[in-house]
Structure formats: structure tokens, C-alpha cells
PDB file of N, CA and C in Angstrom:
ATOM      1  N   MET A   1       9.292  39.532 -39.716  1.00  0.00           N
ATOM      2  CA  MET A   1      10.407  39.991 -38.937  1.00  0.00           C
ATOM      3  C   MET A   1      10.923  41.296 -39.535  1.00  0.00           C
ATOM      4  N   LEU A   2      11.174  42.244 -38.681  1.00  0.00           N
ATOM      5  CA  LEU A   2      11.556  43.584 -39.108  1.00  0.00           C
ATOM      6  C   LEU A   2      12.830  43.584 -39.942  1.00  0.00           C
ATOM      7  N   GLY A   3      13.813  42.782 -39.592  1.00  0.00           N
ATOM      8  CA  GLY A   3      15.072  42.759 -40.329  1.00  0.00           C
ATOM      9  C   GLY A   3      14.934  42.332 -41.771  1.00  0.00           C
ATOM     10  N   TRP A   4      13.915  41.532 -42.092  1.00  0.00           N
ATOM     11  CA  TRP A   4      13.714  41.045 -43.455  1.00  0.00           C
ATOM     12  C   TRP A   4      12.436  41.621 -44.092  1.00  0.00           C
ATOM     13  N   ALA A   5      11.869  42.635 -43.512  1.00  0.00           N
ATOM     14  CA  ALA A   5      10.662  43.249 -44.081  1.00  0.00           C
ATOM     15  C   ALA A   5      10.990  43.870 -45.440  1.00  0.00           C
ATOM     16  N   CYS A   6       9.976  44.116 -46.233  1.00  0.00           N
ATOM     17  CA  CYS A   6      10.165  44.692 -47.565  1.00  0.00           C
ATOM     18  C   CYS A   6       9.649  46.122 -47.607  1.00  0.00           C
ATOM     19  N   GLY A   7      10.467  47.047 -48.104  1.00  0.00           N
ATOM     20  CA  GLY A   7      10.038  48.421 -48.342  1.00  0.00           C
ATOM     21  C   GLY A   7       9.567  49.140 -47.098  1.00  0.00           C
ATOM     22  N   THR A   8       8.573  49.992 -47.282  1.00  0.00           N
ATOM     23  CA  THR A   8       7.979  50.763 -46.194  1.00  0.00           C
ATOM     24  C   THR A   8       6.581  50.212 -45.926  1.00  0.00           C
ATOM     25  N   GLN A   9       6.273  50.038 -44.658  1.00  0.00           N
ATOM     26  CA  GLN A   9       4.971  49.489 -44.287  1.00  0.00           C
ATOM     27  C   GLN A   9       4.305  50.385 -43.251  1.00  0.00           C
ATOM     28  N   LEU A  10       2.995  50.468 -43.309  1.00  0.00           N
ATOM     29  CA  LEU A  10       2.203  51.258 -42.374  1.00  0.00           C
ATOM     30  C   LEU A  10       0.997  50.419 -41.965  1.00  0.00           C
ATOM     31  N   ASP A  11       0.693  50.445 -40.672  1.00  0.00           N
ATOM     32  CA  ASP A  11      -0.435  49.681 -40.151  1.00  0.00           C
ATOM     33  C   ASP A  11      -1.182  50.554 -39.151  1.00  0.00           C
ATOM     34  N   ALA A  12      -2.499  50.590 -39.237  1.00  0.00           N
ATOM     35  CA  ALA A  12      -3.319  51.358 -38.301  1.00  0.00           C
ATOM     36  C   ALA A  12      -4.559  50.543 -37.962  1.00  0.00           C
ATOM     37  N   MET A  13      -5.018  50.679 -36.711  1.00  0.00           N
ATOM     38  CA  MET A  13      -6.188  49.931 -36.260  1.00  0.00           C
ATOM     39  C   MET A  13      -6.900  50.735 -35.182  1.00  0.00           C
ATOM     40  N   HIS A  14      -8.230  50.723 -35.252  1.00  0.00           N
ATOM     41  CA  HIS A  14      -9.060  51.293 -34.197  1.00  0.00           C
ATOM     42  C   HIS A  14     -10.245  50.362 -34.013  1.00  0.00           C
ATOM     43  N   ALA A  15     -10.420  49.842 -32.816  1.00  0.00           N
ATOM     44  CA  ALA A  15     -11.505  48.893 -32.540  1.00  0.00           C
ATOM     45  C   ALA A  15     -12.788  49.648 -32.234  1.00  0.00           C
ATOM     46  N   LEU A  16     -13.842  49.300 -32.937  1.00  0.00           N
ATOM     47  CA  LEU A  16     -15.165  49.886 -32.723  1.00  0.00           C
ATOM     48  C   LEU A  16     -16.090  48.832 -32.133  1.00  0.00           C
ATOM     49  N   GLY A  17     -17.115  49.277 -31.443  1.00  0.00           N
ATOM     50  CA  GLY A  17     -18.131  48.363 -30.949  1.00  0.00           C
ATOM     51  C   GLY A  17     -17.736  47.582 -29.715  1.00  0.00           C
ATOM     52  N   MET A  18     -16.722  48.040 -29.003  1.00  0.00           N
ATOM     53  CA  MET A  18     -16.339  47.348 -27.774  1.00  0.00           C
ATOM     54  C   MET A  18     -17.290  47.771 -26.658  1.00  0.00           C
ATOM     55  N   GLU A  19     -17.588  46.853 -25.769  1.00  0.00           N
ATOM     56  CA  GLU A  19     -18.532  47.130 -24.687  1.00  0.00           C
ATOM     57  C   GLU A  19     -17.934  48.033 -23.621  1.00  0.00           C
ATOM     58  N   GLU A  20     -18.791  48.638 -22.831  1.00  0.00           N
ATOM     59  CA  GLU A  20     -18.416  49.402 -21.633  1.00  0.00           C
ATOM     60  C   GLU A  20     -17.480  50.580 -21.915  1.00  0.00           C
ATOM     61  N   ASP A  21     -17.653  51.278 -23.028  1.00  0.00           N
ATOM     62  CA  ASP A  21     -16.852  52.462 -23.361  1.00  0.00           C
ATOM     63  C   ASP A  21     -15.360  52.169 -23.443  1.00  0.00           C
ATOM     64  N   ARG A  22     -14.984  50.941 -23.819  1.00  0.00           N
ATOM     65  CA  ARG A  22     -13.569  50.607 -23.998  1.00  0.00           C
ATOM     66  C   ARG A  22     -13.090  51.112 -25.343  1.00  0.00           C
ATOM     67  N   ARG A  23     -11.769  51.370 -25.430  1.00  0.00           N
ATOM     68  CA  ARG A  23     -11.186  51.812 -26.690  1.00  0.00           C
ATOM     69  C   ARG A  23      -9.813  51.156 -26.863  1.00  0.00           C
ATOM     70  N   LEU A  24      -9.433  50.929 -28.109  1.00  0.00           N
ATOM     71  CA  LEU A  24      -8.155  50.323 -28.443  1.00  0.00           C
ATOM     72  C   LEU A  24      -7.747  50.818 -29.819  1.00  0.00           C
ATOM     73  N   SER A  25      -6.554  51.410 -29.914  1.00  0.00           N
ATOM     74  CA  SER A  25      -6.059  51.923 -31.180  1.00  0.00           C
ATOM     75  C   SER A  25      -4.565  51.658 -31.275  1.00  0.00           C
ATOM     76  N   SER A  26      -4.090  51.471 -32.509  1.00  0.00           N
ATOM     77  CA  SER A  26      -2.658  51.308 -32.713  1.00  0.00           C
ATOM     78  C   SER A  26      -2.249  51.896 -34.056  1.00  0.00           C
ATOM     79  N   LEU A  27      -0.983  52.281 -34.135  1.00  0.00           N
ATOM     80  CA  LEU A  27      -0.387  52.812 -35.355  1.00  0.00           C
ATOM     81  C   LEU A  27       1.055  52.330 -35.370  1.00  0.00           C
ATOM     82  N   ALA A  28       1.486  51.776 -36.487  1.00  0.00           N
ATOM     83  CA  ALA A  28       2.857  51.272 -36.589  1.00  0.00           C
ATOM     84  C   ALA A  28       3.393  51.547 -37.992  1.00  0.00           C
ATOM     85  N   ALA A  29       4.698  51.775 -38.071  1.00  0.00           N
ATOM     86  CA  ALA A  29       5.356  52.010 -39.357  1.00  0.00           C
ATOM     87  C   ALA A  29       6.745  51.389 -39.307  1.00  0.00           C
ATOM     88  N   SER A  30       7.206  50.920 -40.463  1.00  0.00           N
ATOM     89  CA  SER A  30       8.563  50.383 -40.546  1.00  0.00           C
ATOM     90  C   SER A  30       9.144  50.680 -41.928  1.00  0.00           C
ATOM     91  N   HIS A  31      10.469  50.671 -41.986  1.00  0.00           N
ATOM     92  CA  HIS A  31      11.147  50.890 -43.262  1.00  0.00           C
ATOM     93  C   HIS A  31      12.351  49.962 -43.332  1.00  0.00           C
ATOM     94  N   ARG A  32      12.530  49.332 -44.446  1.00  0.00           N
ATOM     95  CA  ARG A  32      13.632  48.392 -44.667  1.00  0.00           C
ATOM     96  C   ARG A  32      14.777  49.125 -45.356  1.00  0.00           C
ATOM     97  N   PHE A  33      15.973  48.931 -44.817  1.00  0.00           N
ATOM     98  CA  PHE A  33      17.196  49.441 -45.417  1.00  0.00           C
ATOM     99  C   PHE A  33      18.035  48.242 -45.868  1.00  0.00           C
ATOM    100  N   GLU A  34      19.139  48.494 -46.534  1.00  0.00           N
ATOM    101  CA  GLU A  34      20.003  47.406 -46.997  1.00  0.00           C
ATOM    102  C   GLU A  34      20.540  46.564 -45.834  1.00  0.00           C
ATOM    103  N   TRP A  35      20.778  47.173 -44.698  1.00  0.00           N
ATOM    104  CA  TRP A  35      21.374  46.508 -43.536  1.00  0.00           C
ATOM    105  C   TRP A  35      20.352  45.900 -42.581  1.00  0.00           C
ATOM    106  N   GLY A  36      19.089  46.264 -42.682  1.00  0.00           N
ATOM    107  CA  GLY A  36      18.057  45.799 -41.752  1.00  0.00           C
ATOM    108  C   GLY A  36      16.846  46.713 -41.809  1.00  0.00           C
ATOM    109  N   GLY A  37      16.244  47.002 -40.659  1.00  0.00           N
ATOM    110  CA  GLY A  37      15.060  47.851 -40.669  1.00  0.00           C
ATOM    111  C   GLY A  37      14.881  48.605 -39.370  1.00  0.00           C
ATOM    112  N   ILE A  38      14.060  49.664 -39.436  1.00  0.00           N
ATOM    113  CA  ILE A  38      13.665  50.419 -38.249  1.00  0.00           C
ATOM    114  C   ILE A  38      12.145  50.544 -38.264  1.00  0.00           C
ATOM    115  N   GLY A  39      11.593  50.739 -37.073  1.00  0.00           N
ATOM    116  CA  GLY A  39      10.149  50.882 -36.984  1.00  0.00           C
ATOM    117  C   GLY A  39       9.743  51.634 -35.735  1.00  0.00           C
ATOM    118  N   ALA A  40       8.506  52.047 -35.712  1.00  0.00           N
ATOM    119  CA  ALA A  40       7.926  52.745 -34.559  1.00  0.00           C
ATOM    120  C   ALA A  40       6.487  52.279 -34.401  1.00  0.00           C
ATOM    121  N   SER A  41       6.050  52.180 -33.146  1.00  0.00           N
ATOM    122  CA  SER A  41       4.685  51.742 -32.848  1.00  0.00           C
ATOM    123  C   SER A  41       4.087  52.613 -31.761  1.00  0.00           C
ATOM    124  N   PHE A  42       2.779  52.799 -31.827  1.00  0.00           N
ATOM    125  CA  PHE A  42       2.008  53.556 -30.853  1.00  0.00           C
ATOM    126  C   PHE A  42       0.774  52.721 -30.544  1.00  0.00           C
ATOM    127  N   LEU A  43       0.529  52.472 -29.268  1.00  0.00           N
ATOM    128  CA  LEU A  43      -0.636  51.683 -28.857  1.00  0.00           C
ATOM    129  C   LEU A  43      -1.306  52.381 -27.692  1.00  0.00           C
ATOM    130  N   THR A  44      -2.603  52.548 -27.771  1.00  0.00           N
ATOM    131  CA  THR A  44      -3.356  53.152 -26.675  1.00  0.00           C
ATOM    132  C   THR A  44      -4.623  52.336 -26.429  1.00  0.00           C
ATOM    133  N   SER A  45      -4.956  52.183 -25.163  1.00  0.00           N
ATOM    134  CA  SER A  45      -6.191  51.492 -24.796  1.00  0.00           C
ATOM    135  C   SER A  45      -6.712  52.109 -23.514  1.00  0.00           C
ATOM    136  N   GLY A  46      -7.967  51.896 -23.250  1.00  0.00           N
ATOM    137  CA  GLY A  46      -8.527  52.444 -22.024  1.00  0.00           C
ATOM    138  C   GLY A  46     -10.019  52.255 -21.936  1.00  0.00           C
ATOM    139  N   MET A  47     -10.552  52.893 -20.928  1.00  0.00           N
ATOM    140  CA  MET A  47     -11.982  52.813 -20.648  1.00  0.00           C
ATOM    141  C   MET A  47     -12.396  54.132 -20.012  1.00  0.00           C
ATOM    142  N   SER A  48     -13.560  54.618 -20.349  1.00  0.00           N
ATOM    143  CA  SER A  48     -14.028  55.886 -19.792  1.00  0.00           C
ATOM    144  C   SER A  48     -15.333  55.688 -19.028  1.00  0.00           C
ATOM    145  N   ASP A  49     -15.641  56.680 -18.230  1.00  0.00           N
ATOM    146  CA  ASP A  49     -16.883  56.722 -17.455  1.00  0.00           C
ATOM    147  C   ASP A  49     -17.049  55.512 -16.522  1.00  0.00           C
ATOM    148  N   ILE A  50     -15.978  55.162 -15.801  1.00  0.00           N
ATOM    149  CA  ILE A  50     -16.029  54.096 -14.811  1.00  0.00           C
ATOM    150  C   ILE A  50     -16.575  54.687 -13.521  1.00  0.00           C
ATOM    151  N   GLU A  51     -17.543  54.042 -12.922  1.00  0.00           N
ATOM    152  CA  GLU A  51     -18.124  54.563 -11.675  1.00  0.00           C
ATOM    153  C   GLU A  51     -17.108  54.504 -10.538  1.00  0.00           C
ATOM    154  N   GLU A  52     -17.014  55.611  -9.816  1.00  0.00           N
ATOM    155  CA  GLU A  52     -16.144  55.680  -8.647  1.00  0.00           C
ATOM    156  C   GLU A  52     -17.025  55.699  -7.399  1.00  0.00           C
ATOM    157  N   ARG A  53     -16.693  54.832  -6.435  1.00  0.00           N
ATOM    158  CA  ARG A  53     -17.480  54.728  -5.205  1.00  0.00           C
ATOM    159  C   ARG A  53     -16.549  54.761  -4.010  1.00  0.00           C
ATOM    160  N   ASP A  54     -17.075  55.208  -2.856  1.00  0.00           N
ATOM    161  CA  ASP A  54     -16.273  55.189  -1.629  1.00  0.00           C
ATOM    162  C   ASP A  54     -16.421  53.831  -0.937  1.00  0.00           C
ATOM    163  N   ALA A  55     -15.797  53.677   0.229  1.00  0.00           N
ATOM    164  CA  ALA A  55     -15.797  52.392   0.944  1.00  0.00           C
ATOM    165  C   ALA A  55     -17.204  51.929   1.321  1.00  0.00           C
ATOM    166  N   SER A  56     -18.136  52.869   1.497  1.00  0.00           N
ATOM    167  CA  SER A  56     -19.502  52.492   1.868  1.00  0.00           C
ATOM    168  C   SER A  56     -20.378  52.191   0.652  1.00  0.00           C
ATOM    169  N   GLY A  57     -19.832  52.377  -0.552  1.00  0.00           N
ATOM    170  CA  GLY A  57     -20.596  52.105  -1.764  1.00  0.00           C
ATOM    171  C   GLY A  57     -21.268  53.330  -2.351  1.00  0.00           C
ATOM    172  N   MET A  58     -21.111  54.504  -1.723  1.00  0.00           N
ATOM    173  CA  MET A  58     -21.723  55.732  -2.228  1.00  0.00           C
ATOM    174  C   MET A  58     -21.006  56.181  -3.512  1.00  0.00           C
ATOM    175  N   ARG A  59     -21.797  56.512  -4.526  1.00  0.00           N
ATOM    176  CA  ARG A  59     -21.255  56.920  -5.823  1.00  0.00           C
ATOM    177  C   ARG A  59     -20.618  58.300  -5.698  1.00  0.00           C
ATOM    178  N   LEU A  60     -19.356  58.407  -6.148  1.00  0.00           N
ATOM    179  CA  LEU A  60     -18.623  59.670  -6.102  1.00  0.00           C
ATOM    180  C   LEU A  60     -18.533  60.348  -7.460  1.00  0.00           C
ATOM    181  N   GLY A  61     -18.833  59.642  -8.515  1.00  0.00           N
ATOM    182  CA  GLY A  61     -18.724  60.184  -9.871  1.00  0.00           C
ATOM    183  C   GLY A  61     -18.130  59.139 -10.799  1.00  0.00           C
ATOM    184  N   THR A  62     -17.453  59.607 -11.838  1.00  0.00           N
ATOM    185  CA  THR A  62     -16.829  58.697 -12.796  1.00  0.00           C
ATOM    186  C   THR A  62     -15.366  59.075 -12.991  1.00  0.00           C
ATOM    187  N   PHE A  63     -14.593  58.142 -13.538  1.00  0.00           N
ATOM    188  CA  PHE A  63     -13.200  58.410 -13.867  1.00  0.00           C
ATOM    189  C   PHE A  63     -12.832  57.633 -15.125  1.00  0.00           C
ATOM    190  N   ASP A  64     -11.670  57.955 -15.675  1.00  0.00           N
ATOM    191  CA  ASP A  64     -11.170  57.308 -16.885  1.00  0.00           C
ATOM    192  C   ASP A  64      -9.883  56.557 -16.567  1.00  0.00           C
ATOM    193  N   TYR A  65      -9.603  55.545 -17.370  1.00  0.00           N
ATOM    194  CA  TYR A  65      -8.393  54.735 -17.229  1.00  0.00           C
ATOM    195  C   TYR A  65      -7.784  54.568 -18.620  1.00  0.00           C
ATOM    196  N   GLY A  66      -6.475  54.659 -18.720  1.00  0.00           N
ATOM    197  CA  GLY A  66      -5.848  54.492 -20.024  1.00  0.00           C
ATOM    198  C   GLY A  66      -4.413  54.004 -19.942  1.00  0.00           C
ATOM    199  N   ASP A  67      -4.005  53.276 -20.968  1.00  0.00           N
ATOM    200  CA  ASP A  67      -2.638  52.799 -21.130  1.00  0.00           C
ATOM    201  C   ASP A  67      -2.083  53.352 -22.433  1.00  0.00           C
ATOM    202  N   LEU A  68      -0.784  53.637 -22.444  1.00  0.00           N
ATOM    203  CA  LEU A  68      -0.107  54.151 -23.625  1.00  0.00           C
ATOM    204  C   LEU A  68       1.233  53.440 -23.745  1.00  0.00           C
ATOM    205  N   ALA A  69       1.572  52.995 -24.936  1.00  0.00           N
ATOM    206  CA  ALA A  69       2.878  52.388 -25.205  1.00  0.00           C
ATOM    207  C   ALA A  69       3.438  53.006 -26.483  1.00  0.00           C
ATOM    208  N   LEU A  70       4.640  53.561 -26.393  1.00  0.00           N
ATOM    209  CA  LEU A  70       5.377  54.070 -27.541  1.00  0.00           C
ATOM    210  C   LEU A  70       6.621  53.198 -27.680  1.00  0.00           C
ATOM    211  N   MET A  71       6.876  52.702 -28.887  1.00  0.00           N
ATOM    212  CA  MET A  71       7.988  51.774 -29.077  1.00  0.00           C
ATOM    213  C   MET A  71       8.799  52.141 -30.321  1.00  0.00           C
ATOM    214  N   LEU A  72      10.112  52.023 -30.210  1.00  0.00           N
ATOM    215  CA  LEU A  72      11.029  52.185 -31.335  1.00  0.00           C
ATOM    216  C   LEU A  72      11.740  50.853 -31.525  1.00  0.00           C
ATOM    217  N   HIS A  73      11.779  50.374 -32.753  1.00  0.00           N
ATOM    218  CA  HIS A  73      12.326  49.059 -33.054  1.00  0.00           C
ATOM    219  C   HIS A  73      13.478  49.203 -34.045  1.00  0.00           C
ATOM    220  N   GLY A  74      14.472  48.357 -33.912  1.00  0.00           N
ATOM    221  CA  GLY A  74      15.568  48.307 -34.866  1.00  0.00           C
ATOM    222  C   GLY A  74      16.022  46.876 -35.041  1.00  0.00           C
ATOM    223  N   ALA A  75      16.432  46.520 -36.262  1.00  0.00           N
ATOM    224  CA  ALA A  75      16.886  45.152 -36.527  1.00  0.00           C
ATOM    225  C   ALA A  75      18.003  45.173 -37.561  1.00  0.00           C
ATOM    226  N   TYR A  76      18.983  44.334 -37.336  1.00  0.00           N
ATOM    227  CA  TYR A  76      20.078  44.118 -38.274  1.00  0.00           C
ATOM    228  C   TYR A  76      19.914  42.704 -38.815  1.00  0.00           C
ATOM    229  N   ALA A  77      19.986  42.553 -40.136  1.00  0.00           N
ATOM    230  CA  ALA A  77      19.724  41.251 -40.737  1.00  0.00           C
ATOM    231  C   ALA A  77      20.894  40.788 -41.592  1.00  0.00           C
ATOM    232  N   THR A  78      21.165  39.483 -41.510  1.00  0.00           N
ATOM    233  CA  THR A  78      22.081  38.807 -42.413  1.00  0.00           C
ATOM    234  C   THR A  78      21.263  37.767 -43.172  1.00  0.00           C
ATOM    235  N   ASP A  79      21.929  36.982 -44.003  1.00  0.00           N
ATOM    236  CA  ASP A  79      21.200  35.944 -44.734  1.00  0.00           C
ATOM    237  C   ASP A  79      20.673  34.849 -43.812  1.00  0.00           C
ATOM    238  N   LEU A  80      21.349  34.636 -42.677  1.00  0.00           N
ATOM    239  CA  LEU A  80      20.988  33.536 -41.792  1.00  0.00           C
ATOM    240  C   LEU A  80      20.260  33.940 -40.520  1.00  0.00           C
ATOM    241  N   ALA A  81      20.451  35.179 -40.063  1.00  0.00           N
ATOM    242  CA  ALA A  81      19.866  35.583 -38.770  1.00  0.00           C
ATOM    243  C   ALA A  81      19.528  37.071 -38.779  1.00  0.00           C
ATOM    244  N   SER A  82      18.641  37.426 -37.886  1.00  0.00           N
ATOM    245  CA  SER A  82      18.262  38.824 -37.688  1.00  0.00           C
ATOM    246  C   SER A  82      18.321  39.127 -36.191  1.00  0.00           C
ATOM    247  N   PHE A  83      18.930  40.251 -35.832  1.00  0.00           N
ATOM    248  CA  PHE A  83      19.066  40.656 -34.438  1.00  0.00           C
ATOM    249  C   PHE A  83      18.416  42.010 -34.270  1.00  0.00           C
ATOM    250  N   GLY A  84      17.654  42.180 -33.186  1.00  0.00           N
ATOM    251  CA  GLY A  84      16.959  43.442 -33.022  1.00  0.00           C
ATOM    252  C   GLY A  84      16.751  43.817 -31.575  1.00  0.00           C
ATOM    253  N   ALA A  85      16.254  45.028 -31.403  1.00  0.00           N
ATOM    254  CA  ALA A  85      15.950  45.546 -30.073  1.00  0.00           C
ATOM    255  C   ALA A  85      14.748  46.469 -30.175  1.00  0.00           C
ATOM    256  N   THR A  86      14.037  46.577 -29.070  1.00  0.00           N
ATOM    257  CA  THR A  86      12.904  47.495 -28.972  1.00  0.00           C
ATOM    258  C   THR A  86      13.054  48.319 -27.709  1.00  0.00           C
ATOM    259  N   PHE A  87      12.894  49.620 -27.838  1.00  0.00           N
ATOM    260  CA  PHE A  87      12.889  50.532 -26.701  1.00  0.00           C
ATOM    261  C   PHE A  87      11.452  50.967 -26.484  1.00  0.00           C
ATOM    262  N   LYS A  88      10.979  50.871 -25.235  1.00  0.00           N
ATOM    263  CA  LYS A  88       9.570  51.124 -24.942  1.00  0.00           C
ATOM    264  C   LYS A  88       9.406  52.224 -23.900  1.00  0.00           C
ATOM    265  N   TYR A  89       8.375  53.024 -24.089  1.00  0.00           N
ATOM    266  CA  TYR A  89       7.904  53.971 -23.077  1.00  0.00           C
ATOM    267  C   TYR A  89       6.478  53.550 -22.761  1.00  0.00           C
ATOM    268  N   LEU A  90       6.217  53.237 -21.505  1.00  0.00           N
ATOM    269  CA  LEU A  90       4.887  52.803 -21.079  1.00  0.00           C
ATOM    270  C   LEU A  90       4.328  53.795 -20.075  1.00  0.00           C
ATOM    271  N   HIS A  91       3.046  54.128 -20.220  1.00  0.00           N
ATOM    272  CA  HIS A  91       2.395  55.040 -19.284  1.00  0.00           C
ATOM    273  C   HIS A  91       1.005  54.511 -18.975  1.00  0.00           C
ATOM    274  N   GLN A  92       0.666  54.553 -17.695  1.00  0.00           N
ATOM    275  CA  GLN A  92      -0.658  54.124 -17.255  1.00  0.00           C
ATOM    276  C   GLN A  92      -1.319  55.307 -16.574  1.00  0.00           C
ATOM    277  N   GLY A  93      -2.487  55.688 -17.040  1.00  0.00           N
ATOM    278  CA  GLY A  93      -3.212  56.810 -16.470  1.00  0.00           C
ATOM    279  C   GLY A  93      -4.452  56.348 -15.733  1.00  0.00           C
ATOM    280  N   LEU A  94      -4.558  56.793 -14.483  1.00  0.00           N
ATOM    281  CA  LEU A  94      -5.716  56.455 -13.668  1.00  0.00           C
ATOM    282  C   LEU A  94      -6.191  57.729 -12.995  1.00  0.00           C
ATOM    283  N   ASP A  95      -7.334  58.213 -13.396  1.00  0.00           N
ATOM    284  CA  ASP A  95      -7.886  59.459 -12.873  1.00  0.00           C
ATOM    285  C   ASP A  95      -8.974  59.137 -11.850  1.00  0.00           C
ATOM    286  N   ALA A  96      -8.559  58.610 -10.674  1.00  0.00           N
ATOM    287  CA  ALA A  96      -9.536  58.229  -9.664  1.00  0.00           C
ATOM    288  C   ALA A  96      -8.955  58.456  -8.271  1.00  0.00           C
ATOM    289  N   ASN A  97      -9.814  58.482  -7.283  1.00  0.00           N
ATOM    290  CA  ASN A  97      -9.422  58.573  -5.887  1.00  0.00           C
ATOM    291  C   ASN A  97      -9.182  57.159  -5.353  1.00  0.00           C
ATOM    292  N   VAL A  98      -7.975  56.671  -5.510  1.00  0.00           N
ATOM    293  CA  VAL A  98      -7.657  55.313  -5.080  1.00  0.00           C
ATOM    294  C   VAL A  98      -6.812  55.385  -3.825  1.00  0.00           C
ATOM    295  N   ALA A  99      -7.141  54.594  -2.817  1.00  0.00           N
ATOM    296  CA  ALA A  99      -6.370  54.587  -1.582  1.00  0.00           C
ATOM    297  C   ALA A  99      -4.919  54.247  -1.898  1.00  0.00           C
ATOM    298  N   GLY A 100      -4.012  55.072  -1.398  1.00  0.00           N
ATOM    299  CA  GLY A 100      -2.596  54.854  -1.652  1.00  0.00           C
ATOM    300  C   GLY A 100      -2.076  55.576  -2.879  1.00  0.00           C
ATOM    301  N   LYS A 101      -2.948  56.154  -3.699  1.00  0.00           N
ATOM    302  CA  LYS A 101      -2.518  56.874  -4.893  1.00  0.00           C
ATOM    303  C   LYS A 101      -1.939  58.213  -4.482  1.00  0.00           C
ATOM    304  N   THR A 102      -0.781  58.566  -5.025  1.00  0.00           N
ATOM    305  CA  THR A 102      -0.185  59.862  -4.737  1.00  0.00           C
ATOM    306  C   THR A 102      -0.561  60.832  -5.844  1.00  0.00           C
ATOM    307  N   ALA A 103      -0.778  62.068  -5.474  1.00  0.00           N
ATOM    308  CA  ALA A 103      -1.205  63.076  -6.442  1.00  0.00           C
ATOM    309  C   ALA A 103      -0.043  63.595  -7.246  1.00  0.00           C
TER     310      ALA A 103
END
């Protein structure tokens, strides 16, 4: 729990060997203060070179898909309880000709 974490912490991960050109990476950091803790996280995932086809099945090319999450965390801790909040920014990227998609 962030409110009772110790010192400064850093975590990083990148997944290798995933099938179908998938990718997943994350980076997180936190720091403990006398009153509680703060932290930040970054997460990205996606897939590249996805085949794009029209309604008749004709190949139009390829496109990429990706998700991004940026998060800021804060926690206040007492001896008995810890209270916290997370603020998130989420983005989804789709580079394809999808019916109903606005440019």
C-alpha cells in the first residue's frame, strides 16, 4: 500500500516474446514521506501490423492499435488506516478505417 511504503521505489517492465506483434510496458515510481506517499505510473500496450480489410474481405493494408495510461497516486497514512486517490489519463489509439470512426 502506497501510504505505508518504504523509501523510494522504482519498477519497470517490458514484455518480450508476445505473439502477434503485441507489446506491453510499464514504469512506476513512488516515494514515502512522513505523512504518506506519492507515486506515478505509466502503462502502454498495443499491437502493430494488424491487417485491415474492407467489407468484401479485400486487404487494404495494416494498422496499429495502442492503449496508454498515465496515473498519479497519493495516499495519507495513519497507524490504523490509509486513504488515497489516483488520477488517471487514458488514451486509446486506433489507426484504421473503421466505420463510424471520426477523423
